[in-house]
C-alpha atoms as a PDB file:
ATOM      1  CA  UNK A   1      -0.760 -43.424  -8.571  1.00  0.00           C
ATOM      2  CA  UNK A   2      -1.140 -39.714  -9.203  1.00  0.00           C
ATOM      3  CA  UNK A   3      -3.990 -39.520  -6.690  1.00  0.00           C
ATOM      4  CA  UNK A   4      -1.809 -41.256  -4.111  1.00  0.00           C
ATOM      5  CA  UNK A   5       1.062 -38.869  -4.853  1.00  0.00           C
ATOM      6  CA  UNK A   6      -1.203 -35.850  -4.410  1.00  0.00           C
ATOM      7  CA  UNK A   7      -2.719 -37.110  -1.171  1.00  0.00           C
ATOM      8  CA  UNK A   8       0.293 -38.620   0.555  1.00  0.00           C
ATOM      9  CA  UNK A   9       3.308 -37.256  -1.311  1.00  0.00           C
ATOM     10  CA  UNK A  10       3.959 -34.424   1.102  1.00  0.00           C
ATOM     11  CA  UNK A  11       3.665 -36.656   4.164  1.00  0.00           C
ATOM     12  CA  UNK A  12       6.122 -39.087   2.554  1.00  0.00           C
ATOM     13  CA  UNK A  13       8.474 -36.157   1.940  1.00  0.00           C
ATOM     14  CA  UNK A  14       8.068 -35.106   5.587  1.00  0.00           C
ATOM     15  CA  UNK A  15       8.800 -38.627   6.851  1.00  0.00           C
ATOM     16  CA  UNK A  16      11.841 -38.900   4.587  1.00  0.00           C
ATOM     17  CA  UNK A  17      13.139 -35.568   5.878  1.00  0.00           C
ATOM     18  CA  UNK A  18      12.802 -36.702   9.500  1.00  0.00           C
ATOM     19  CA  UNK A  19      14.497 -40.034   8.708  1.00  0.00           C
ATOM     20  CA  UNK A  20      17.354 -38.271   6.940  1.00  0.00           C
ATOM     21  CA  UNK A  21      18.052 -35.876   9.802  1.00  0.00           C
ATOM     22  CA  UNK A  22      17.674 -38.657  12.365  1.00  0.00           C
ATOM     23  CA  UNK A  23      20.395 -40.659  10.628  1.00  0.00           C
ATOM     24  CA  UNK A  24      22.793 -37.781   9.913  1.00  0.00           C
ATOM     25  CA  UNK A  25      22.381 -35.272  12.758  1.00  0.00           C
ATOM     26  CA  UNK A  26      23.485 -36.413  16.220  1.00  0.00           C
ATOM     27  CA  UNK A  27      20.861 -35.728  18.883  1.00  0.00           C
ATOM     28  CA  UNK A  28      18.064 -34.949  16.424  1.00  0.00           C
ATOM     29  CA  UNK A  29      15.896 -37.751  17.801  1.00  0.00           C
ATOM     30  CA  UNK A  30      15.521 -36.654  21.420  1.00  0.00           C
ATOM     31  CA  UNK A  31      12.773 -35.088  23.554  1.00  0.00           C
ATOM     32  CA  UNK A  32      14.809 -31.896  23.916  1.00  0.00           C
ATOM     33  CA  UNK A  33      15.223 -31.565  20.153  1.00  0.00           C
ATOM     34  CA  UNK A  34      11.509 -32.143  19.585  1.00  0.00           C
ATOM     35  CA  UNK A  35      10.584 -29.518  22.160  1.00  0.00           C
ATOM     36  CA  UNK A  36      13.030 -27.050  20.618  1.00  0.00           C
ATOM     37  CA  UNK A  37      11.414 -27.617  17.217  1.00  0.00           C
ATOM     38  CA  UNK A  38       7.945 -26.995  18.635  1.00  0.00           C
ATOM     39  CA  UNK A  39       9.127 -23.910  20.493  1.00  0.00           C
ATOM     40  CA  UNK A  40      10.852 -22.496  17.418  1.00  0.00           C
ATOM     41  CA  UNK A  41       7.677 -22.791  15.329  1.00  0.00           C
ATOM     42  CA  UNK A  42       5.130 -21.913  18.027  1.00  0.00           C
ATOM     43  CA  UNK A  43       4.909 -18.196  17.220  1.00  0.00           C
ATOM     44  CA  UNK A  44       5.228 -18.774  13.472  1.00  0.00           C
ATOM     45  CA  UNK A  45       2.517 -21.422  13.658  1.00  0.00           C
ATOM     46  CA  UNK A  46       0.130 -19.125  15.518  1.00  0.00           C
ATOM     47  CA  UNK A  47       0.610 -16.414  12.902  1.00  0.00           C
ATOM     48  CA  UNK A  48       0.184 -18.978  10.116  1.00  0.00           C
ATOM     49  CA  UNK A  49      -3.166 -20.020  11.587  1.00  0.00           C
ATOM     50  CA  UNK A  50      -4.222 -16.377  11.379  1.00  0.00           C
ATOM     51  CA  UNK A  51      -3.138 -16.222   7.736  1.00  0.00           C
ATOM     52  CA  UNK A  52      -5.166 -19.383   7.139  1.00  0.00           C
ATOM     53  CA  UNK A  53      -8.339 -17.664   8.357  1.00  0.00           C
ATOM     54  CA  UNK A  54      -7.948 -14.977   5.687  1.00  0.00           C
ATOM     55  CA  UNK A  55      -7.060 -17.510   2.988  1.00  0.00           C
ATOM     56  CA  UNK A  56     -10.267 -19.396   3.782  1.00  0.00           C
ATOM     57  CA  UNK A  57     -12.393 -16.392   2.719  1.00  0.00           C
ATOM     58  CA  UNK A  58     -10.292 -15.812  -0.384  1.00  0.00           C
ATOM     59  CA  UNK A  59      -8.122 -13.078   1.113  1.00  0.00           C
ATOM     60  CA  UNK A  60      -4.554 -12.687   2.225  1.00  0.00           C
ATOM     61  CA  UNK A  61      -2.969 -10.839   5.148  1.00  0.00           C
ATOM     62  CA  UNK A  62       0.525  -9.446   4.579  1.00  0.00           C
ATOM     63  CA  UNK A  63       0.398  -7.321   7.738  1.00  0.00           C
ATOM     64  CA  UNK A  64       0.405 -10.227  10.177  1.00  0.00           C
ATOM     65  CA  UNK A  65       4.142 -10.044  10.941  1.00  0.00           C
ATOM     66  CA  UNK A  66       3.947  -6.295  11.569  1.00  0.00           C
ATOM     67  CA  UNK A  67       0.912  -6.763  13.819  1.00  0.00           C
ATOM     68  CA  UNK A  68       2.897  -9.268  15.884  1.00  0.00           C
ATOM     69  CA  UNK A  69       5.907  -6.970  16.251  1.00  0.00           C
ATOM     70  CA  UNK A  70       3.608  -4.020  17.038  1.00  0.00           C
ATOM     71  CA  UNK A  71       1.972  -6.076  19.796  1.00  0.00           C
ATOM     72  CA  UNK A  72       5.416  -6.979  21.104  1.00  0.00           C
ATOM     73  CA  UNK A  73       6.465  -3.305  21.208  1.00  0.00           C
ATOM     74  CA  UNK A  74       3.118  -2.284  22.733  1.00  0.00           C
ATOM     75  CA  UNK A  75       3.440  -4.850  25.522  1.00  0.00           C
ATOM     76  CA  UNK A  76       6.936  -3.602  26.313  1.00  0.00           C
ATOM     77  CA  UNK A  77       5.835   0.040  26.218  1.00  0.00           C
ATOM     78  CA  UNK A  78       2.845  -0.539  28.502  1.00  0.00           C
ATOM     79  CA  UNK A  79       4.882  -2.331  31.169  1.00  0.00           C
ATOM     80  CA  UNK A  80       8.269  -0.593  30.932  1.00  0.00           C
ATOM     81  CA  UNK A  81       7.315   2.983  30.044  1.00  0.00           C
ATOM     82  CA  UNK A  82       3.778   3.245  31.425  1.00  0.00           C
ATOM     83  CA  UNK A  83       4.537   0.948  34.400  1.00  0.00           C
ATOM     84  CA  UNK A  84       1.362  -1.130  34.050  1.00  0.00           C
ATOM     85  CA  UNK A  85       0.781  -4.795  34.920  1.00  0.00           C
ATOM     86  CA  UNK A  86       0.728  -7.865  32.695  1.00  0.00           C
ATOM     87  CA  UNK A  87      -3.060  -7.979  32.352  1.00  0.00           C
ATOM     88  CA  UNK A  88      -3.212  -4.430  30.994  1.00  0.00           C
ATOM     89  CA  UNK A  89      -0.403  -5.205  28.536  1.00  0.00           C
ATOM     90  CA  UNK A  90      -2.163  -8.333  27.237  1.00  0.00           C
ATOM     91  CA  UNK A  91      -5.497  -6.524  26.844  1.00  0.00           C
ATOM     92  CA  UNK A  92      -3.842  -3.646  24.983  1.00  0.00           C
ATOM     93  CA  UNK A  93      -2.145  -6.076  22.592  1.00  0.00           C
ATOM     94  CA  UNK A  94      -5.373  -7.950  21.892  1.00  0.00           C
ATOM     95  CA  UNK A  95      -7.192  -4.650  21.329  1.00  0.00           C
ATOM     96  CA  UNK A  96      -4.512  -3.662  18.815  1.00  0.00           C
ATOM     97  CA  UNK A  97      -5.029  -6.923  16.942  1.00  0.00           C
ATOM     98  CA  UNK A  98      -8.799  -6.463  16.826  1.00  0.00           C
ATOM     99  CA  UNK A  99      -8.497  -2.835  15.708  1.00  0.00           C
ATOM    100  CA  UNK A 100      -6.037  -3.587  12.910  1.00  0.00           C
ATOM    101  CA  UNK A 101      -8.168  -6.525  11.766  1.00  0.00           C
ATOM    102  CA  UNK A 102     -11.225  -4.265  11.607  1.00  0.00           C
ATOM    103  CA  UNK A 103      -9.316  -1.609   9.657  1.00  0.00           C
ATOM    104  CA  UNK A 104      -7.973  -4.174   7.197  1.00  0.00           C
ATOM    105  CA  UNK A 105     -11.431  -5.652   6.754  1.00  0.00           C
ATOM    106  CA  UNK A 106     -13.017  -2.223   6.268  1.00  0.00           C
ATOM    107  CA  UNK A 107     -10.469  -1.231   3.627  1.00  0.00           C
ATOM    108  CA  UNK A 108     -10.912  -4.491   1.733  1.00  0.00           C
ATOM    109  CA  UNK A 109     -14.682  -4.925   2.026  1.00  0.00           C
ATOM    110  CA  UNK A 110     -16.048  -1.389   1.955  1.00  0.00           C
ATOM    111  CA  UNK A 111     -13.276   0.623   0.293  1.00  0.00           C
ATOM    112  CA  UNK A 112     -12.685  -2.235  -2.181  1.00  0.00           C
ATOM    113  CA  UNK A 113      -8.918  -2.016  -1.849  1.00  0.00           C
ATOM    114  CA  UNK A 114      -7.341  -5.322  -2.996  1.00  0.00           C
ATOM    115  CA  UNK A 115      -6.354  -7.417   0.009  1.00  0.00           C
ATOM    116  CA  UNK A 116      -2.665  -7.569  -0.906  1.00  0.00           C
ATOM    117  CA  UNK A 117      -2.443  -3.792  -1.294  1.00  0.00           C
ATOM    118  CA  UNK A 118      -4.469  -2.994   1.828  1.00  0.00           C
ATOM    119  CA  UNK A 119      -2.469  -5.288   4.093  1.00  0.00           C
ATOM    120  CA  UNK A 120       0.823  -4.295   2.461  1.00  0.00           C
ATOM    121  CA  UNK A 121       0.049  -0.662   3.240  1.00  0.00           C
ATOM    122  CA  UNK A 122      -0.860  -1.601   6.815  1.00  0.00           C
ATOM    123  CA  UNK A 123       2.398  -3.532   7.133  1.00  0.00           C
ATOM    124  CA  UNK A 124       4.495  -0.478   6.248  1.00  0.00           C
ATOM    125  CA  UNK A 125       2.343   1.790   8.415  1.00  0.00           C
ATOM    126  CA  UNK A 126       2.864  -0.418  11.453  1.00  0.00           C
ATOM    127  CA  UNK A 127       6.591  -0.824  10.803  1.00  0.00           C
ATOM    128  CA  UNK A 128       6.951   2.934  11.087  1.00  0.00           C
ATOM    129  CA  UNK A 129       4.385   3.505  13.833  1.00  0.00           C
ATOM    130  CA  UNK A 130       5.940   1.052  16.288  1.00  0.00           C
ATOM    131  CA  UNK A 131       9.227   2.988  16.201  1.00  0.00           C
ATOM    132  CA  UNK A 132       7.818   6.478  16.772  1.00  0.00           C
ATOM    133  CA  UNK A 133       7.227   6.462  20.574  1.00  0.00           C
ATOM    134  CA  UNK A 134      10.865   5.617  21.348  1.00  0.00           C
ATOM    135  CA  UNK A 135      12.432   7.180  18.242  1.00  0.00           C
ATOM    136  CA  UNK A 136      13.475   3.799  16.873  1.00  0.00           C
ATOM    137  CA  UNK A 137      14.941   2.384  20.098  1.00  0.00           C
ATOM    138  CA  UNK A 138      14.268  -1.027  21.553  1.00  0.00           C
ATOM    139  CA  UNK A 139      12.346  -1.041  24.836  1.00  0.00           C
ATOM    140  CA  UNK A 140      13.965  -2.567  27.910  1.00  0.00           C
ATOM    141  CA  UNK A 141      13.831  -2.014  31.672  1.00  0.00           C
ATOM    142  CA  UNK A 142      15.865   1.004  32.760  1.00  0.00           C
ATOM    143  CA  UNK A 143      16.096   2.437  29.240  1.00  0.00           C
ATOM    144  CA  UNK A 144      16.630   6.136  28.660  1.00  0.00           C
ATOM    145  CA  UNK A 145      13.668   7.789  26.969  1.00  0.00           C
ATOM    146  CA  UNK A 146      14.007  10.407  24.189  1.00  0.00           C
ATOM    147  CA  UNK A 147      13.369  13.197  26.721  1.00  0.00           C
ATOM    148  CA  UNK A 148      16.239  12.002  28.915  1.00  0.00           C
ATOM    149  CA  UNK A 149      14.122  10.375  31.645  1.00  0.00           C
ATOM    150  CA  UNK A 150      14.490   6.751  32.709  1.00  0.00           C
ATOM    151  CA  UNK A 151      11.648   4.306  32.095  1.00  0.00           C
ATOM    152  CA  UNK A 152      10.113   3.484  35.497  1.00  0.00           C
ATOM    153  CA  UNK A 153       8.672   0.026  34.850  1.00  0.00           C
ATOM    154  CA  UNK A 154       9.803  -3.486  34.044  1.00  0.00           C
ATOM    155  CA  UNK A 155       8.430  -6.736  32.687  1.00  0.00           C
ATOM    156  CA  UNK A 156       6.370  -8.501  35.328  1.00  0.00           C
ATOM    157  CA  UNK A 157       7.204 -12.066  36.321  1.00  0.00           C
ATOM    158  CA  UNK A 158       3.695 -13.191  35.344  1.00  0.00           C
ATOM    159  CA  UNK A 159       4.124 -11.829  31.830  1.00  0.00           C
ATOM    160  CA  UNK A 160       7.593 -13.327  31.361  1.00  0.00           C
ATOM    161  CA  UNK A 161       6.201 -16.709  32.420  1.00  0.00           C
ATOM    162  CA  UNK A 162       4.114 -16.733  29.229  1.00  0.00           C
ATOM    163  CA  UNK A 163       7.304 -17.037  27.209  1.00  0.00           C
ATOM    164  CA  UNK A 164       9.667 -18.789  29.590  1.00  0.00           C
ATOM    165  CA  UNK A 165       7.723 -21.156  31.840  1.00  0.00           C
ATOM    166  CA  UNK A 166       7.888 -24.867  31.025  1.00  0.00           C
ATOM    167  CA  UNK A 167       5.478 -27.597  32.087  1.00  0.00           C
ATOM    168  CA  UNK A 168       6.501 -31.043  33.255  1.00  0.00           C
ATOM    169  CA  UNK A 169       5.729 -33.672  30.597  1.00  0.00           C
ATOM    170  CA  UNK A 170       7.538 -37.006  30.967  1.00  0.00           C
ATOM    171  CA  UNK A 171      10.505 -34.899  32.080  1.00  0.00           C
ATOM    172  CA  UNK A 172      10.844 -31.824  34.302  1.00  0.00           C
ATOM    173  CA  UNK A 173      10.501 -28.417  32.625  1.00  0.00           C
ATOM    174  CA  UNK A 174      10.034 -29.861  29.144  1.00  0.00           C
ATOM    175  CA  UNK A 175       7.067 -28.197  27.378  1.00  0.00           C
ATOM    176  CA  UNK A 176       7.062 -24.373  26.977  1.00  0.00           C
ATOM    177  CA  UNK A 177       3.867 -22.365  27.403  1.00  0.00           C
ATOM    178  CA  UNK A 178       4.081 -21.171  23.794  1.00  0.00           C
ATOM    179  CA  UNK A 179       3.819 -24.761  22.536  1.00  0.00           C
ATOM    180  CA  UNK A 180       0.700 -25.345  24.644  1.00  0.00           C
ATOM    181  CA  UNK A 181      -0.822 -22.125  23.290  1.00  0.00           C
ATOM    182  CA  UNK A 182      -0.072 -23.229  19.712  1.00  0.00           C
ATOM    183  CA  UNK A 183      -1.723 -26.627  20.227  1.00  0.00           C
ATOM    184  CA  UNK A 184      -4.804 -25.111  21.869  1.00  0.00           C
ATOM    185  CA  UNK A 185      -5.238 -22.472  19.160  1.00  0.00           C
ATOM    186  CA  UNK A 186      -4.637 -24.994  16.362  1.00  0.00           C
ATOM    187  CA  UNK A 187      -7.302 -27.356  17.717  1.00  0.00           C
ATOM    188  CA  UNK A 188      -9.696 -24.453  18.295  1.00  0.00           C
ATOM    189  CA  UNK A 189      -9.373 -22.959  14.797  1.00  0.00           C
ATOM    190  CA  UNK A 190      -9.499 -26.441  13.206  1.00  0.00           C
ATOM    191  CA  UNK A 191     -12.745 -27.268  15.004  1.00  0.00           C
ATOM    192  CA  UNK A 192     -14.111 -23.801  14.255  1.00  0.00           C
ATOM    193  CA  UNK A 193     -13.463 -24.009  10.516  1.00  0.00           C
ATOM    194  CA  UNK A 194     -14.439 -27.644  10.003  1.00  0.00           C
ATOM    195  CA  UNK A 195     -17.357 -28.222  12.372  1.00  0.00           C
ATOM    196  CA  UNK A 196     -19.154 -24.924  12.968  1.00  0.00           C
ATOM    197  CA  UNK A 197     -21.646 -23.178  10.713  1.00  0.00           C
ATOM    198  CA  UNK A 198     -19.584 -19.992  10.851  1.00  0.00           C
ATOM    199  CA  UNK A 199     -16.473 -21.816   9.666  1.00  0.00           C
ATOM    200  CA  UNK A 200     -18.263 -23.634   6.842  1.00  0.00           C
ATOM    201  CA  UNK A 201     -19.757 -20.337   5.678  1.00  0.00           C
ATOM    202  CA  UNK A 202     -16.272 -18.822   5.591  1.00  0.00           C
ATOM    203  CA  UNK A 203     -15.215 -21.625   3.242  1.00  0.00           C
ATOM    204  CA  UNK A 204     -18.312 -20.955   1.144  1.00  0.00           C
ATOM    205  CA  UNK A 205     -17.390 -17.271   0.894  1.00  0.00           C
ATOM    206  CA  UNK A 206     -13.871 -18.122  -0.208  1.00  0.00           C
ATOM    207  CA  UNK A 207     -15.055 -20.731  -2.706  1.00  0.00           C
ATOM    208  CA  UNK A 208     -17.712 -18.595  -4.414  1.00  0.00           C
ATOM    209  CA  UNK A 209     -18.393 -15.214  -2.887  1.00  0.00           C
ATOM    210  CA  UNK A 210     -21.227 -14.381  -5.292  1.00  0.00           C
ATOM    211  CA  UNK A 211     -23.071 -17.652  -4.676  1.00  0.00           C
ATOM    212  CA  UNK A 212     -22.724 -17.236  -0.909  1.00  0.00           C
ATOM    213  CA  UNK A 213     -24.131 -13.720  -1.161  1.00  0.00           C
ATOM    214  CA  UNK A 214     -27.095 -14.897  -3.245  1.00  0.00           C
ATOM    215  CA  UNK A 215     -27.740 -17.597  -0.646  1.00  0.00           C
ATOM    216  CA  UNK A 216     -28.176 -14.863   1.961  1.00  0.00           C
ATOM    217  CA  UNK A 217     -24.841 -15.128   3.748  1.00  0.00           C
ATOM    218  CA  UNK A 218     -23.475 -11.866   5.214  1.00  0.00           C
ATOM    219  CA  UNK A 219     -20.342 -12.062   3.074  1.00  0.00           C
ATOM    220  CA  UNK A 220     -18.900  -8.731   4.188  1.00  0.00           C
ATOM    221  CA  UNK A 221     -19.183  -9.634   7.866  1.00  0.00           C
ATOM    222  CA  UNK A 222     -17.487 -13.011   7.335  1.00  0.00           C
ATOM    223  CA  UNK A 223     -14.576 -11.419   5.493  1.00  0.00           C
ATOM    224  CA  UNK A 224     -14.099  -8.736   8.155  1.00  0.00           C
ATOM    225  CA  UNK A 225     -14.184 -11.348  10.913  1.00  0.00           C
ATOM    226  CA  UNK A 226     -11.502 -13.342   9.117  1.00  0.00           C
ATOM    227  CA  UNK A 227      -9.140 -10.367   9.319  1.00  0.00           C
ATOM    228  CA  UNK A 228     -10.081  -9.798  12.958  1.00  0.00           C
ATOM    229  CA  UNK A 229      -9.160 -13.421  13.717  1.00  0.00           C
ATOM    230  CA  UNK A 230      -5.878 -12.892  11.893  1.00  0.00           C
ATOM    231  CA  UNK A 231      -5.172  -9.765  13.949  1.00  0.00           C
ATOM    232  CA  UNK A 232      -5.938 -11.513  17.243  1.00  0.00           C
ATOM    233  CA  UNK A 233      -3.689 -14.461  16.419  1.00  0.00           C
ATOM    234  CA  UNK A 234      -0.898 -12.087  15.387  1.00  0.00           C
ATOM    235  CA  UNK A 235      -1.272 -10.203  18.681  1.00  0.00           C
ATOM    236  CA  UNK A 236      -1.026 -13.453  20.643  1.00  0.00           C
ATOM    237  CA  UNK A 237       2.159 -14.261  18.750  1.00  0.00           C
ATOM    238  CA  UNK A 238       3.527 -10.812  19.601  1.00  0.00           C
ATOM    239  CA  UNK A 239       2.683 -11.267  23.285  1.00  0.00           C
ATOM    240  CA  UNK A 240       4.562 -14.585  23.400  1.00  0.00           C
ATOM    241  CA  UNK A 241       7.520 -13.072  21.546  1.00  0.00           C
ATOM    242  CA  UNK A 242       7.760 -10.182  24.016  1.00  0.00           C
ATOM    243  CA  UNK A 243       7.493 -12.597  26.940  1.00  0.00           C
ATOM    244  CA  UNK A 244      10.239 -14.794  25.530  1.00  0.00           C
ATOM    245  CA  UNK A 245      12.657 -11.916  24.819  1.00  0.00           C
ATOM    246  CA  UNK A 246      11.856  -9.819  27.884  1.00  0.00           C
ATOM    247  CA  UNK A 247      12.166  -6.639  25.801  1.00  0.00           C
ATOM    248  CA  UNK A 248      10.635  -4.847  22.860  1.00  0.00           C
ATOM    249  CA  UNK A 249      13.243  -5.487  20.190  1.00  0.00           C
ATOM    250  CA  UNK A 250      12.578  -3.631  16.936  1.00  0.00           C
ATOM    251  CA  UNK A 251      14.851  -6.057  15.061  1.00  0.00           C
ATOM    252  CA  UNK A 252      12.885  -9.141  16.107  1.00  0.00           C
ATOM    253  CA  UNK A 253      10.264 -10.734  13.952  1.00  0.00           C
ATOM    254  CA  UNK A 254      11.770  -9.876  10.574  1.00  0.00           C
ATOM    255  CA  UNK A 255      11.066 -13.354   9.192  1.00  0.00           C
ATOM    256  CA  UNK A 256       7.712 -13.931  10.872  1.00  0.00           C
ATOM    257  CA  UNK A 257       5.662 -13.028   7.807  1.00  0.00           C
ATOM    258  CA  UNK A 258       7.616 -15.185   5.354  1.00  0.00           C
ATOM    259  CA  UNK A 259       7.702 -18.220   7.651  1.00  0.00           C
ATOM    260  CA  UNK A 260       3.988 -17.903   8.492  1.00  0.00           C
ATOM    261  CA  UNK A 261       3.018 -17.599   4.836  1.00  0.00           C
ATOM    262  CA  UNK A 262       5.224 -20.572   3.948  1.00  0.00           C
ATOM    263  CA  UNK A 263       3.562 -22.725   6.618  1.00  0.00           C
ATOM    264  CA  UNK A 264       0.064 -21.725   5.490  1.00  0.00           C
ATOM    265  CA  UNK A 265       0.807 -22.428   1.812  1.00  0.00           C
ATOM    266  CA  UNK A 266       2.542 -25.728   2.558  1.00  0.00           C
ATOM    267  CA  UNK A 267      -0.663 -26.687   4.365  1.00  0.00           C
ATOM    268  CA  UNK A 268      -2.437 -26.780   0.999  1.00  0.00           C
ATOM    269  CA  UNK A 269      -0.429 -29.900   0.136  1.00  0.00           C
ATOM    270  CA  UNK A 270      -1.136 -31.908   3.290  1.00  0.00           C
ATOM    271  CA  UNK A 271      -3.383 -34.896   2.480  1.00  0.00           C
ATOM    272  CA  UNK A 272      -4.127 -33.314  -0.894  1.00  0.00           C
ATOM    273  CA  UNK A 273      -6.447 -30.750   0.679  1.00  0.00           C
ATOM    274  CA  UNK A 274      -5.761 -28.155  -2.046  1.00  0.00           C
ATOM    275  CA  UNK A 275      -7.349 -25.557   0.195  1.00  0.00           C
ATOM    276  CA  UNK A 276      -6.392 -23.575   3.304  1.00  0.00           C
ATOM    277  CA  UNK A 277      -6.914 -25.662   6.432  1.00  0.00           C
ATOM    278  CA  UNK A 278      -5.775 -25.457  10.034  1.00  0.00           C
ATOM    279  CA  UNK A 279      -4.436 -29.019  10.230  1.00  0.00           C
ATOM    280  CA  UNK A 280      -2.320 -28.559   7.124  1.00  0.00           C
ATOM    281  CA  UNK A 281      -1.019 -25.228   8.397  1.00  0.00           C
ATOM    282  CA  UNK A 282       0.060 -26.783  11.700  1.00  0.00           C
ATOM    283  CA  UNK A 283       1.833 -29.585   9.812  1.00  0.00           C
ATOM    284  CA  UNK A 284       3.424 -26.997   7.518  1.00  0.00           C
ATOM    285  CA  UNK A 285       4.755 -25.024  10.473  1.00  0.00           C
ATOM    286  CA  UNK A 286       6.142 -28.222  12.008  1.00  0.00           C
ATOM    287  CA  UNK A 287       7.733 -29.137   8.680  1.00  0.00           C
ATOM    288  CA  UNK A 288       9.526 -25.777   8.526  1.00  0.00           C
ATOM    289  CA  UNK A 289      10.711 -26.244  12.116  1.00  0.00           C
ATOM    290  CA  UNK A 290      12.064 -29.743  11.432  1.00  0.00           C
ATOM    291  CA  UNK A 291      13.814 -28.493   8.319  1.00  0.00           C
ATOM    292  CA  UNK A 292      15.534 -25.580  10.058  1.00  0.00           C
ATOM    293  CA  UNK A 293      16.434 -27.606  13.151  1.00  0.00           C
ATOM    294  CA  UNK A 294      17.956 -30.369  11.033  1.00  0.00           C
ATOM    295  CA  UNK A 295      19.972 -27.908   8.936  1.00  0.00           C
ATOM    296  CA  UNK A 296      21.193 -26.169  12.091  1.00  0.00           C
ATOM    297  CA  UNK A 297      22.270 -29.424  13.737  1.00  0.00           C
ATOM    298  CA  UNK A 298      24.135 -30.365  10.544  1.00  0.00           C
ATOM    299  CA  UNK A 299      25.972 -27.013  10.704  1.00  0.00           C
ATOM    300  CA  UNK A 300      24.562 -25.914   7.359  1.00  0.00           C
ATOM    301  CA  UNK A 301      25.406 -22.267   6.549  1.00  0.00           C
ATOM    302  CA  UNK A 302      22.662 -19.919   7.732  1.00  0.00           C
ATOM    303  CA  UNK A 303      22.423 -18.278   4.312  1.00  0.00           C
ATOM    304  CA  UNK A 304      21.252 -21.531   2.723  1.00  0.00           C
ATOM    305  CA  UNK A 305      18.171 -21.869   4.918  1.00  0.00           C
ATOM    306  CA  UNK A 306      15.956 -19.453   2.994  1.00  0.00           C
ATOM    307  CA  UNK A 307      16.932 -21.159  -0.266  1.00  0.00           C
ATOM    308  CA  UNK A 308      15.998 -24.568   1.114  1.00  0.00           C
ATOM    309  CA  UNK A 309      12.691 -23.243   2.510  1.00  0.00           C
ATOM    310  CA  UNK A 310      11.869 -21.751  -0.881  1.00  0.00           C
ATOM    311  CA  UNK A 311      12.678 -24.979  -2.693  1.00  0.00           C
ATOM    312  CA  UNK A 312      10.488 -26.981  -0.312  1.00  0.00           C
ATOM    313  CA  UNK A 313       7.635 -24.509  -0.741  1.00  0.00           C
ATOM    314  CA  UNK A 314       7.840 -24.886  -4.524  1.00  0.00           C
ATOM    315  CA  UNK A 315       7.733 -28.689  -4.226  1.00  0.00           C
ATOM    316  CA  UNK A 316       4.738 -28.469  -1.889  1.00  0.00           C
ATOM    317  CA  UNK A 317       2.884 -26.204  -4.306  1.00  0.00           C
ATOM    318  CA  UNK A 318       3.624 -28.634  -7.153  1.00  0.00           C
ATOM    319  CA  UNK A 319       1.963 -31.388  -5.118  1.00  0.00           C
ATOM    320  CA  UNK A 320      -0.951 -29.053  -4.453  1.00  0.00           C
ATOM    321  CA  UNK A 321      -1.725 -27.541  -7.823  1.00  0.00           C
ATOM    322  CA  UNK A 322       0.072 -29.201 -10.737  1.00  0.00           C
ATOM    323  CA  UNK A 323      -0.508 -32.832  -9.778  1.00  0.00           C
ATOM    324  CA  UNK A 324      -3.984 -32.279  -8.338  1.00  0.00           C
ATOM    325  CA  UNK A 325      -5.112 -30.471 -11.494  1.00  0.00           C
ATOM    326  CA  UNK A 326      -3.936 -33.362 -13.664  1.00  0.00           C
ATOM    327  CA  UNK A 327      -5.588 -35.850 -11.341  1.00  0.00           C
ATOM    328  CA  UNK A 328      -8.952 -34.096 -11.768  1.00  0.00           C
ATOM    329  CA  UNK A 329      -8.643 -34.378 -15.529  1.00  0.00           C
END
């Protein structure tokens, strides 16, 4: 019974949550509600998949939310202030993600700075750096720059389509681009981690770094690449956030880190995996989205949402560690 609880307990909890909201919240069971849930967790889910890559190698990336907001501000700055096109903005954002991932990896692997401290320092650095070019102002078309000039550019229609276009799927204009991106990236990282030699070696590094090194695996390279993957995924999330908002809003993305970490940790409990995995992370992100959507539709006070998320995370971790440890005994 304990083995069954460990393996399927979280999924039973998920199903019970959906059933509860379906019976108490009007309109919860509808295509529009489902799409809204997917859209609300798309960016969080993408960031959570990046966190998962670092967890796989035994690390942790606290800078992922700041990387996303930095990419968002960079995209806005490139198009609005520098008057460049969407392609240039996307390439700049991806380059930022790669660069920050390399710096994080270098600090952790070669400078031997603990991962939490290295990425925490990077988080604060980016929070300050993204505000310097505009002296703490949000970036929008027609804004006044610190020197008194007016920004000459604007967000291109092609870029905005990344965050606002919807595909037809059983109904017109139903599925947002961000949801498609999440699904594609989730399948890609799941296949990469589970069915490629590179992915299996990353798990080996996270499970026993010393043994992997003795077996001849380039442990340092694998760990650095994990942080590069995290940076790229965070940049993609930032691009989609900028495209959805149509501006570089310095106040956006405050909860991205916490929600992404919650989704990645909840993923440990899915099917009793007890390890970071892309499928569990995607389910964890969806679980958070269902929870918040249901609470919103029931008119629950906004200040209770973080409490409920925390309580659910604790329950998920109990399924993951406490029960699984007893089951092994």
